[in-house]
């Protein structure tokens, strides 16, 4: 049985959408959803108007859902608005909600001020649901859940691609898996090749692939990746910065590993996503400290040449890839 009052807060839009939809489905029949759902933006509408709507009987149905976004008065420092919210009216409603209405407040903020009376009343009389971004180690569970919802199979060997290309954005993850589901249809299995071809590629992920091409001494693949990034309007100078960032992380991780640090301890020293640290730990084994220092030096020199206009940027970048690959004189570990 759904409660009458909900507060959804956090920056993960997928979880907000999922909770909101579930509450609506529990409250209203499909035929009532066209008439008995109201939505407000509290940056434009006073909260007392929302309360008035919640107190009004539903139209052509037994129940109604009233949704209000952006309750800035729940933040530690509320945003300045052209009007004042009558929070007292909301408090009175929370203490005595209409039994035919479900009120949902959606606060897409990282933090709320939990000391405020209105927040405490939400916890006491309603339900407060946290919708914060998921952790990197929860990704596998969500990939399996979304794939199951869409009635397709994604092998565990493909999971790494999602983390690499998408990170922990659940809304983006859902959209990418939906795209794959359209190609394999219900009951189908997503192959690694299909995932590599169809997943939207981020610049950071392509930077990781360029690092891999250097490790593999595969100049042809490195050039192809570079050309794809140029087609996606990535600037050669920005790509040098991206590569430099990846190799610095690999160098940092290698140094920390040599000092005896575990992966979970490294995140305090390396300013990067846990997945990036995890991948750097795999890659550091293919380089000596001297090679990493030389690679970073080559990147700095090419960056200088480009910024001084001493050579065509695209030619300079292709020559850089050739130099980086030839720094490597031993096979991958």
Protein backbone atom coordinates (compact mmCIF):
# COMPACT_ATOMS: atom_id res chain seq x y z
CA UNK A 1 0.00 0.00 0.00
CA UNK A 2 1.60 3.35 -1.03
CA UNK A 3 2.08 6.13 1.50
CA UNK A 4 0.44 9.54 1.07
CA UNK A 5 3.68 11.59 1.21
CA UNK A 6 7.03 10.98 -0.54
CA UNK A 7 10.29 12.87 -0.79
CA UNK A 8 12.72 11.74 -3.51
CA UNK A 9 16.12 13.39 -3.38
CA UNK A 10 19.46 12.95 -5.12
CA UNK A 11 21.13 13.54 -8.48
CA UNK A 12 20.51 10.14 -10.12
CA UNK A 13 17.62 10.93 -12.47
CA UNK A 14 17.07 7.28 -13.40
CA UNK A 15 16.31 6.29 -9.80
CA UNK A 16 14.03 9.31 -9.37
CA UNK A 17 12.13 8.34 -12.50
CA UNK A 18 11.92 4.69 -11.43
CA UNK A 19 10.57 5.50 -7.95
CA UNK A 20 8.12 8.08 -9.31
CA UNK A 21 6.74 5.66 -11.90
CA UNK A 22 6.36 2.89 -9.33
CA UNK A 23 4.39 5.19 -6.98
CA UNK A 24 2.10 6.28 -9.83
CA UNK A 25 1.45 2.67 -10.87
CA UNK A 26 0.64 1.70 -7.28
CA UNK A 27 -1.74 4.64 -6.86
CA UNK A 28 -3.59 5.06 -10.15
CA UNK A 29 -5.12 2.71 -12.68
CA UNK A 30 -3.97 3.29 -16.30
CA UNK A 31 -7.27 4.99 -17.23
CA UNK A 32 -6.93 7.50 -14.36
CA UNK A 33 -3.38 8.62 -15.20
CA UNK A 34 -4.45 11.05 -17.93
CA UNK A 35 -6.63 13.08 -15.56
CA UNK A 36 -5.28 12.69 -12.06
CA UNK A 37 -1.57 13.53 -12.21
CA UNK A 38 -0.53 17.15 -11.54
CA UNK A 39 3.04 18.43 -11.84
CA UNK A 40 4.52 21.67 -10.52
CA UNK A 41 7.89 23.42 -10.45
CA UNK A 42 8.42 24.95 -7.03
CA UNK A 43 10.81 27.48 -8.54
CA UNK A 44 7.74 28.92 -10.29
CA UNK A 45 4.81 27.91 -8.07
CA UNK A 46 4.37 28.51 -4.30
CA UNK A 47 4.15 25.29 -2.30
CA UNK A 48 0.80 26.35 -0.81
CA UNK A 49 -0.74 26.10 -4.32
CA UNK A 50 0.54 22.53 -4.52
CA UNK A 51 -1.02 21.78 -1.12
CA UNK A 52 -4.34 23.21 -2.31
CA UNK A 53 -4.26 20.89 -5.32
CA UNK A 54 -3.48 17.89 -3.08
CA UNK A 55 -6.48 18.78 -0.90
CA UNK A 56 -8.80 19.04 -3.92
CA UNK A 57 -10.81 15.91 -4.76
CA UNK A 58 -9.66 13.95 -7.84
CA UNK A 59 -11.39 14.36 -11.19
CA UNK A 60 -13.20 11.26 -12.50
CA UNK A 61 -11.40 8.85 -10.16
CA UNK A 62 -10.79 7.80 -6.60
CA UNK A 63 -7.17 8.96 -6.24
CA UNK A 64 -4.72 11.53 -7.56
CA UNK A 65 -0.95 12.09 -7.63
CA UNK A 66 0.53 15.56 -7.13
CA UNK A 67 4.22 15.95 -8.04
CA UNK A 68 6.32 19.01 -7.15
CA UNK A 69 9.91 19.50 -8.35
CA UNK A 70 12.72 21.65 -6.91
CA UNK A 71 11.73 22.23 -3.25
CA UNK A 72 14.62 24.63 -2.72
CA UNK A 73 13.44 25.35 0.82
CA UNK A 74 14.83 21.92 1.78
CA UNK A 75 18.39 22.98 0.92
CA UNK A 76 20.76 24.40 3.53
CA UNK A 77 20.87 27.63 1.52
CA UNK A 78 17.58 27.97 -0.39
CA UNK A 79 17.69 29.66 -3.80
CA UNK A 80 16.32 33.17 -4.05
CA UNK A 81 12.89 33.20 -5.70
CA UNK A 82 10.51 36.04 -6.63
CA UNK A 83 8.10 34.75 -3.95
CA UNK A 84 8.18 33.09 -0.54
CA UNK A 85 6.99 29.52 0.06
CA UNK A 86 4.48 29.04 2.86
CA UNK A 87 6.30 26.04 4.31
CA UNK A 88 3.93 26.04 7.29
CA UNK A 89 1.06 25.10 4.95
CA UNK A 90 3.12 22.12 3.75
CA UNK A 91 3.92 21.09 7.33
CA UNK A 92 0.23 21.11 8.23
CA UNK A 93 -0.55 18.99 5.18
CA UNK A 94 2.21 16.46 5.97
CA UNK A 95 0.73 16.02 9.42
CA UNK A 96 -2.77 15.49 8.01
CA UNK A 97 -2.63 14.46 4.33
CA UNK A 98 -5.73 13.82 2.21
CA UNK A 99 -6.39 10.10 1.96
CA UNK A 100 -7.23 10.37 -1.76
CA UNK A 101 -3.96 12.12 -2.73
CA UNK A 102 -0.33 11.04 -2.98
CA UNK A 103 2.08 13.98 -2.79
CA UNK A 104 5.60 13.52 -4.22
CA UNK A 105 8.30 16.13 -3.74
CA UNK A 106 11.33 15.66 -6.00
CA UNK A 107 14.57 17.35 -4.90
CA UNK A 108 17.30 16.70 -7.54
CA UNK A 109 20.03 17.90 -5.18
CA UNK A 110 23.08 16.16 -3.80
CA UNK A 111 22.30 17.21 -0.23
CA UNK A 112 19.34 18.45 1.81
CA UNK A 113 19.33 20.08 5.22
CA UNK A 114 18.14 17.19 7.36
CA UNK A 115 17.92 19.45 10.41
CA UNK A 116 14.95 21.32 8.98
CA UNK A 117 11.56 20.62 10.53
CA UNK A 118 9.92 19.92 7.18
CA UNK A 119 12.52 17.22 6.35
CA UNK A 120 12.02 15.59 9.76
CA UNK A 121 8.24 15.58 9.22
CA UNK A 122 8.70 13.89 5.83
CA UNK A 123 10.70 11.14 7.55
CA UNK A 124 8.15 10.80 10.33
CA UNK A 125 4.89 10.85 8.35
CA UNK A 126 5.96 9.86 4.85
CA UNK A 127 8.76 8.10 3.03
CA UNK A 128 12.13 9.61 2.11
CA UNK A 129 13.92 7.87 -0.77
CA UNK A 130 17.57 8.59 -1.59
CA UNK A 131 18.35 8.66 -5.32
CA UNK A 132 22.11 9.20 -5.32
CA UNK A 133 24.50 8.01 -8.06
CA UNK A 134 25.44 4.34 -7.77
CA UNK A 135 28.90 3.08 -6.91
CA UNK A 136 31.19 1.59 -9.55
CA UNK A 137 31.01 -1.81 -7.88
CA UNK A 138 27.19 -1.84 -8.22
CA UNK A 139 27.31 -1.49 -12.01
CA UNK A 140 27.18 -5.23 -12.72
CA UNK A 141 23.97 -5.59 -10.72
CA UNK A 142 22.28 -2.75 -12.61
CA UNK A 143 23.36 -4.03 -16.03
CA UNK A 144 21.82 -7.41 -15.17
CA UNK A 145 18.63 -5.81 -13.84
CA UNK A 146 18.05 -3.57 -16.88
CA UNK A 147 18.88 -6.40 -19.30
CA UNK A 148 16.40 -8.66 -17.49
CA UNK A 149 13.71 -5.94 -17.68
CA UNK A 150 14.28 -5.73 -21.44
CA UNK A 151 14.38 -9.54 -21.76
CA UNK A 152 17.87 -9.77 -23.25
CA UNK A 153 21.14 -11.33 -22.07
CA UNK A 154 24.39 -9.42 -21.62
CA UNK A 155 27.39 -11.68 -20.85
CA UNK A 156 29.66 -10.66 -17.98
CA UNK A 157 32.54 -10.32 -20.44
CA UNK A 158 30.78 -7.25 -21.88
CA UNK A 159 30.15 -5.49 -18.54
CA UNK A 160 33.54 -3.77 -18.59
CA UNK A 161 32.62 -1.95 -21.80
CA UNK A 162 29.61 -0.31 -20.15
CA UNK A 163 31.68 0.92 -17.22
CA UNK A 164 34.38 2.18 -19.59
CA UNK A 165 32.06 3.98 -22.00
CA UNK A 166 29.25 5.15 -19.71
CA UNK A 167 30.49 5.25 -16.12
CA UNK A 168 27.82 5.09 -13.42
CA UNK A 169 25.09 7.20 -15.06
CA UNK A 170 22.03 4.93 -14.83
CA UNK A 171 19.89 6.94 -17.24
CA UNK A 172 22.61 6.74 -19.90
CA UNK A 173 23.11 3.04 -19.12
CA UNK A 174 19.39 2.36 -19.63
CA UNK A 175 19.36 4.18 -22.98
CA UNK A 176 22.41 2.28 -24.23
CA UNK A 177 20.99 -1.11 -23.22
CA UNK A 178 17.66 -0.21 -24.85
CA UNK A 179 19.59 0.55 -28.06
CA UNK A 180 21.26 -2.88 -27.90
CA UNK A 181 17.91 -4.55 -27.15
CA UNK A 182 16.46 -3.15 -30.38
CA UNK A 183 19.19 -4.98 -32.34
CA UNK A 184 19.08 -8.37 -30.63
CA UNK A 185 15.30 -8.36 -29.87
CA UNK A 186 13.69 -10.22 -26.93
CA UNK A 187 15.57 -13.32 -25.85
CA UNK A 188 18.71 -12.25 -27.73
CA UNK A 189 22.30 -12.15 -26.51
CA UNK A 190 24.48 -9.05 -26.83
CA UNK A 191 27.89 -9.89 -28.28
CA UNK A 192 31.03 -7.92 -27.42
CA UNK A 193 31.39 -6.90 -31.07
CA UNK A 194 27.85 -5.47 -31.14
CA UNK A 195 28.42 -3.58 -27.88
CA UNK A 196 31.71 -2.11 -29.16
CA UNK A 197 30.01 -0.93 -32.36
CA UNK A 198 26.83 0.50 -30.84
CA UNK A 199 27.75 1.97 -27.47
CA UNK A 200 28.13 5.74 -27.46
CA UNK A 201 31.81 6.49 -27.06
CA UNK A 202 33.12 9.06 -24.60
CA UNK A 203 36.35 10.93 -25.18
CA UNK A 204 37.79 9.52 -21.93
CA UNK A 205 37.03 5.96 -23.04
CA UNK A 206 38.68 6.60 -26.40
CA UNK A 207 41.69 7.96 -24.51
CA UNK A 208 41.91 4.62 -22.68
CA UNK A 209 41.76 2.81 -26.02
CA UNK A 210 44.60 4.97 -27.35
CA UNK A 211 46.65 3.95 -24.30
CA UNK A 212 45.87 0.32 -25.11
CA UNK A 213 46.97 0.81 -28.72
CA UNK A 214 50.30 2.18 -27.47
CA UNK A 215 50.66 -0.81 -25.14
CA UNK A 216 49.93 -3.19 -28.01
CA UNK A 217 52.32 -1.32 -30.36
CA UNK A 218 49.39 -1.11 -32.79
CA UNK A 219 49.99 2.08 -34.76
CA UNK A 220 47.18 1.38 -37.25
CA UNK A 221 44.58 1.06 -34.48
CA UNK A 222 45.90 4.16 -32.72
CA UNK A 223 45.61 6.22 -35.92
CA UNK A 224 42.05 4.93 -36.54
CA UNK A 225 41.00 5.85 -32.99
CA UNK A 226 42.55 9.27 -33.43
CA UNK A 227 40.74 9.84 -36.77
CA UNK A 228 37.41 8.85 -35.14
CA UNK A 229 37.98 11.39 -32.38
CA UNK A 230 38.80 14.11 -34.91
CA UNK A 231 35.53 13.32 -36.74
CA UNK A 232 33.78 13.76 -33.38
CA UNK A 233 35.28 17.30 -33.27
CA UNK A 234 37.91 16.51 -30.64
CA UNK A 235 40.88 18.89 -30.88
CA UNK A 236 44.41 17.36 -31.07
CA UNK A 237 45.58 19.59 -28.18
CA UNK A 238 42.65 18.37 -26.06
CA UNK A 239 43.52 14.77 -26.96
CA UNK A 240 47.10 15.30 -25.81
CA UNK A 241 45.75 16.56 -22.48
CA UNK A 242 43.51 13.47 -22.32
CA UNK A 243 46.40 11.08 -23.02
CA UNK A 244 48.64 12.93 -20.57
CA UNK A 245 45.96 12.58 -17.90
CA UNK A 246 45.66 8.82 -18.52
CA UNK A 247 49.43 8.24 -18.44
CA UNK A 248 49.84 10.37 -15.30
CA UNK A 249 47.20 8.25 -13.56
CA UNK A 250 48.97 5.06 -14.70
CA UNK A 251 52.25 6.49 -13.37
CA UNK A 252 50.66 7.50 -10.04
CA UNK A 253 49.01 4.09 -9.63
CA UNK A 254 52.28 2.30 -10.42
CA UNK A 255 54.16 4.35 -7.82
CA UNK A 256 51.47 3.78 -5.17
CA UNK A 257 51.41 0.06 -5.94
CA UNK A 258 55.19 -0.11 -5.51
CA UNK A 259 54.72 1.54 -2.11
CA UNK A 260 52.25 -1.15 -1.08
CA UNK A 261 48.94 0.68 -1.49
CA UNK A 262 45.80 -1.37 -2.32
CA UNK A 263 43.30 -0.24 -4.98
CA UNK A 264 40.74 1.07 -2.48
CA UNK A 265 43.45 3.16 -0.75
CA UNK A 266 44.58 4.79 -4.01
CA UNK A 267 41.38 6.82 -4.52
CA UNK A 268 42.49 9.13 -1.67
CA UNK A 269 45.59 10.08 -3.70
CA UNK A 270 44.48 9.72 -7.33
CA UNK A 271 41.73 12.12 -8.41
CA UNK A 272 39.94 9.76 -10.78
CA UNK A 273 36.89 7.50 -10.99
CA UNK A 274 37.41 4.11 -9.26
CA UNK A 275 37.00 2.38 -12.64
CA UNK A 276 39.83 4.48 -14.12
CA UNK A 277 42.08 3.47 -11.20
CA UNK A 278 41.10 -0.16 -11.70
CA UNK A 279 42.02 0.00 -15.41
CA UNK A 280 45.26 1.86 -14.66
CA UNK A 281 46.29 -1.02 -12.37
CA UNK A 282 45.89 -3.38 -15.32
CA UNK A 283 47.85 -1.11 -17.64
CA UNK A 284 50.75 -0.14 -15.36
CA UNK A 285 52.24 -3.62 -15.64
CA UNK A 286 53.04 -2.97 -19.30
CA UNK A 287 55.29 0.03 -18.56
CA UNK A 288 58.42 0.71 -16.59
CA UNK A 289 58.68 3.95 -14.60
CA UNK A 290 61.27 5.20 -17.11
CA UNK A 291 58.94 4.53 -20.06
CA UNK A 292 56.06 6.36 -18.38
CA UNK A 293 58.29 9.37 -17.67
CA UNK A 294 59.48 9.41 -21.28
CA UNK A 295 55.91 9.15 -22.61
CA UNK A 296 54.76 12.06 -20.42
CA UNK A 297 57.77 14.08 -21.63
CA UNK A 298 56.92 13.34 -25.29
CA UNK A 299 53.33 14.47 -24.69
CA UNK A 300 54.54 17.72 -23.13
CA UNK A 301 56.91 18.41 -26.04
CA UNK A 302 54.23 17.77 -28.68
CA UNK A 303 51.79 19.98 -26.76
CA UNK A 304 54.36 22.79 -26.86
CA UNK A 305 55.01 22.30 -30.61
CA UNK A 306 51.28 22.47 -31.38
CA UNK A 307 50.64 25.53 -29.24
CA UNK A 308 53.61 27.35 -30.82
CA UNK A 309 52.31 26.54 -34.31
CA UNK A 310 55.57 24.82 -35.26
CA UNK A 311 53.80 21.93 -37.02
CA UNK A 312 50.35 21.01 -38.37
CA UNK A 313 48.39 19.68 -35.38
CA UNK A 314 47.12 16.49 -37.02
CA UNK A 315 50.55 15.61 -38.40
CA UNK A 316 52.14 16.34 -35.03
CA UNK A 317 49.66 14.05 -33.26
CA UNK A 318 50.24 11.18 -35.71
CA UNK A 319 54.01 11.56 -35.27
CA UNK A 320 53.45 11.55 -31.50
CA UNK A 321 51.61 8.22 -31.70
CA UNK A 322 54.50 6.77 -33.72
CA UNK A 323 57.00 8.00 -31.11
CA UNK A 324 54.96 6.68 -28.17
CA UNK A 325 54.63 3.25 -29.72
CA UNK A 326 58.36 3.09 -30.41
CA UNK A 327 59.19 4.00 -26.82
CA UNK A 328 57.73 0.59 -25.99
CA UNK A 329 60.42 -2.01 -26.57
CA UNK A 330 58.95 -4.95 -24.67
CA UNK A 331 55.73 -6.94 -24.93
CA UNK A 332 52.68 -6.40 -22.75
CA UNK A 333 52.80 -8.23 -19.45
